[in-house]
């Protein structure tokens, strides 16, 4: 058995194509991490804009008198301030929320965070590993094909 030739996996791992795949995995990992960081930042910006719009609408409604708000109250007691505060969509506020805005106890901040460094690092590492595994799979398949057809490595 020692004289038989098998699929030389050692030649796949040590090949120049594998080294190129490793370098490619670094590039792919950094690109994936950057894309993830950009996506998180973009979600934060959307949430921040929505928070500002919500705060402005609540403050507009809080400045209005009860007599002005009463005709726009629905059967649940919520007030649609779409026409009063010139919002694009229906915007319902409750009297309790308006009181919290008037008292200054209602907080307006986005729920998203602007950065997720650990998440971006994990995404980068996973994409780099996936690139390495893909390189090994492709090079192994090529080596197997050469072995099956009897071509030298």
Protein backbone atom coordinates (compact mmCIF):
# COMPACT_ATOMS: atom_id res chain seq x y z
CA UNK A 1 0.00 0.00 0.00
CA UNK A 2 2.87 2.34 0.62
CA UNK A 3 3.75 2.34 -3.08
CA UNK A 4 0.25 3.29 -4.26
CA UNK A 5 -0.50 6.84 -5.11
CA UNK A 6 -3.67 8.40 -3.71
CA UNK A 7 -5.15 11.86 -3.96
CA UNK A 8 -2.33 14.00 -2.60
CA UNK A 9 -4.11 16.39 -0.26
CA UNK A 10 -0.76 17.72 0.82
CA UNK A 11 -0.21 19.12 -2.68
CA UNK A 12 -3.58 20.91 -2.47
CA UNK A 13 -2.88 22.48 0.93
CA UNK A 14 0.64 23.58 0.04
CA UNK A 15 -0.11 24.78 -3.47
CA UNK A 16 0.26 28.34 -4.69
CA UNK A 17 -3.49 28.38 -5.36
CA UNK A 18 -4.15 27.65 -1.71
CA UNK A 19 -1.90 30.53 -0.73
CA UNK A 20 -3.87 32.75 -3.10
CA UNK A 21 -7.09 31.49 -1.53
CA UNK A 22 -5.78 32.39 1.93
CA UNK A 23 -4.94 35.91 0.77
CA UNK A 24 -8.35 36.15 -0.87
CA UNK A 25 -10.00 35.07 2.40
CA UNK A 26 -8.40 38.02 4.20
CA UNK A 27 -9.81 40.42 1.60
CA UNK A 28 -13.23 38.77 1.68
CA UNK A 29 -13.26 38.82 5.50
CA UNK A 30 -12.47 42.54 5.67
CA UNK A 31 -15.02 43.32 2.95
CA UNK A 32 -17.73 41.33 4.76
CA UNK A 33 -16.92 43.04 8.06
CA UNK A 34 -17.06 46.45 6.40
CA UNK A 35 -20.36 45.63 4.72
CA UNK A 36 -21.82 44.48 8.05
CA UNK A 37 -20.62 47.65 9.78
CA UNK A 38 -22.16 49.77 7.02
CA UNK A 39 -25.47 47.88 7.26
CA UNK A 40 -25.61 48.37 11.04
CA UNK A 41 -24.84 52.08 10.62
CA UNK A 42 -27.52 52.43 7.93
CA UNK A 43 -30.13 50.75 10.16
CA UNK A 44 -29.14 53.12 12.95
CA UNK A 45 -29.54 56.17 10.68
CA UNK A 46 -33.02 55.03 9.63
CA UNK A 47 -34.00 54.43 13.26
CA UNK A 48 -32.53 57.79 14.28
CA UNK A 49 -34.47 59.63 11.56
CA UNK A 50 -37.65 57.83 12.58
CA UNK A 51 -37.00 58.76 16.23
CA UNK A 52 -36.54 62.45 15.35
CA UNK A 53 -39.71 62.44 13.25
CA UNK A 54 -41.61 60.79 16.09
CA UNK A 55 -40.27 63.26 18.65
CA UNK A 56 -41.26 66.25 16.52
CA UNK A 57 -44.75 64.85 16.01
CA UNK A 58 -45.22 64.16 19.73
CA UNK A 59 -44.00 67.65 20.62
CA UNK A 60 -46.35 69.17 18.06
CA UNK A 61 -49.30 67.24 19.50
CA UNK A 62 -48.31 68.11 23.07
CA UNK A 63 -48.45 71.82 22.27
CA UNK A 64 -52.07 71.56 21.09
CA UNK A 65 -54.99 72.10 23.46
CA UNK A 66 -57.40 69.38 24.54
CA UNK A 67 -60.23 71.09 22.62
CA UNK A 68 -58.20 70.94 19.41
CA UNK A 69 -57.31 67.27 19.92
CA UNK A 70 -60.74 66.00 21.02
CA UNK A 71 -62.37 65.83 17.53
CA UNK A 72 -59.57 63.57 16.32
CA UNK A 73 -59.92 61.02 19.15
CA UNK A 74 -61.03 57.52 18.19
CA UNK A 75 -63.15 55.08 20.20
CA UNK A 76 -60.06 53.72 21.98
CA UNK A 77 -59.10 57.16 23.25
CA UNK A 78 -56.11 57.58 20.92
CA UNK A 79 -55.73 60.74 18.87
CA UNK A 80 -54.73 60.74 15.20
CA UNK A 81 -52.55 63.83 14.77
CA UNK A 82 -51.88 63.30 11.06
CA UNK A 83 -53.77 66.43 9.96
CA UNK A 84 -52.85 68.48 13.00
CA UNK A 85 -49.09 67.97 12.83
CA UNK A 86 -48.74 67.42 9.08
CA UNK A 87 -47.33 63.88 9.16
CA UNK A 88 -47.33 61.67 6.08
CA UNK A 89 -49.04 58.69 7.72
CA UNK A 90 -51.56 58.18 10.48
CA UNK A 91 -49.89 58.88 13.80
CA UNK A 92 -51.83 57.94 16.93
CA UNK A 93 -50.93 59.28 20.35
CA UNK A 94 -52.56 58.58 23.67
CA UNK A 95 -53.41 61.22 26.27
CA UNK A 96 -50.93 59.53 28.65
CA UNK A 97 -48.14 59.88 26.09
CA UNK A 98 -48.98 63.53 25.53
CA UNK A 99 -48.83 64.12 29.28
CA UNK A 100 -45.43 62.39 29.44
CA UNK A 101 -44.17 64.64 26.64
CA UNK A 102 -45.51 67.73 28.42
CA UNK A 103 -43.85 66.62 31.66
CA UNK A 104 -40.59 65.91 29.85
CA UNK A 105 -40.44 62.27 31.00
CA UNK A 106 -40.81 60.62 27.59
CA UNK A 107 -37.49 59.56 26.05
CA UNK A 108 -36.84 59.73 22.35
CA UNK A 109 -33.89 57.69 21.14
CA UNK A 110 -33.40 55.03 18.52
CA UNK A 111 -33.43 51.41 19.62
CA UNK A 112 -30.56 50.52 17.31
CA UNK A 113 -26.94 51.17 18.19
CA UNK A 114 -24.66 52.86 15.65
CA UNK A 115 -21.86 50.27 15.86
CA UNK A 116 -21.60 46.52 16.38
CA UNK A 117 -17.88 45.83 16.40
CA UNK A 118 -18.13 42.26 17.76
CA UNK A 119 -20.79 41.38 15.19
CA UNK A 120 -18.73 42.82 12.35
CA UNK A 121 -15.64 40.91 13.51
CA UNK A 122 -17.62 37.65 13.69
CA UNK A 123 -19.05 38.20 10.21
CA UNK A 124 -15.57 38.90 8.84
CA UNK A 125 -14.08 35.77 10.42
CA UNK A 126 -16.96 33.58 9.21
CA UNK A 127 -16.67 34.84 5.64
CA UNK A 128 -12.90 34.36 5.73
CA UNK A 129 -13.35 30.77 6.95
CA UNK A 130 -16.00 30.15 4.31
CA UNK A 131 -13.59 31.39 1.65
CA UNK A 132 -10.85 29.07 2.93
CA UNK A 133 -13.22 26.10 2.98
CA UNK A 134 -14.43 26.98 -0.52
CA UNK A 135 -10.84 27.17 -1.74
CA UNK A 136 -10.04 23.77 -0.23
CA UNK A 137 -13.21 22.29 -1.75
CA UNK A 138 -12.48 23.66 -5.21
CA UNK A 139 -8.81 22.65 -5.17
CA UNK A 140 -9.66 19.24 -3.74
CA UNK A 141 -12.25 18.69 -6.46
CA UNK A 142 -9.71 19.63 -9.14
CA UNK A 143 -7.10 17.30 -7.60
CA UNK A 144 -9.66 14.50 -7.42
CA UNK A 145 -10.57 15.06 -11.06
CA UNK A 146 -6.92 14.90 -12.07
CA UNK A 147 -6.50 11.71 -10.05
CA UNK A 148 -9.58 10.09 -11.60
CA UNK A 149 -8.44 10.91 -15.15
CA UNK A 150 -4.92 9.82 -14.36
CA UNK A 151 -3.24 13.14 -14.94
CA UNK A 152 -0.15 13.96 -12.93
CA UNK A 153 -0.42 16.43 -10.07
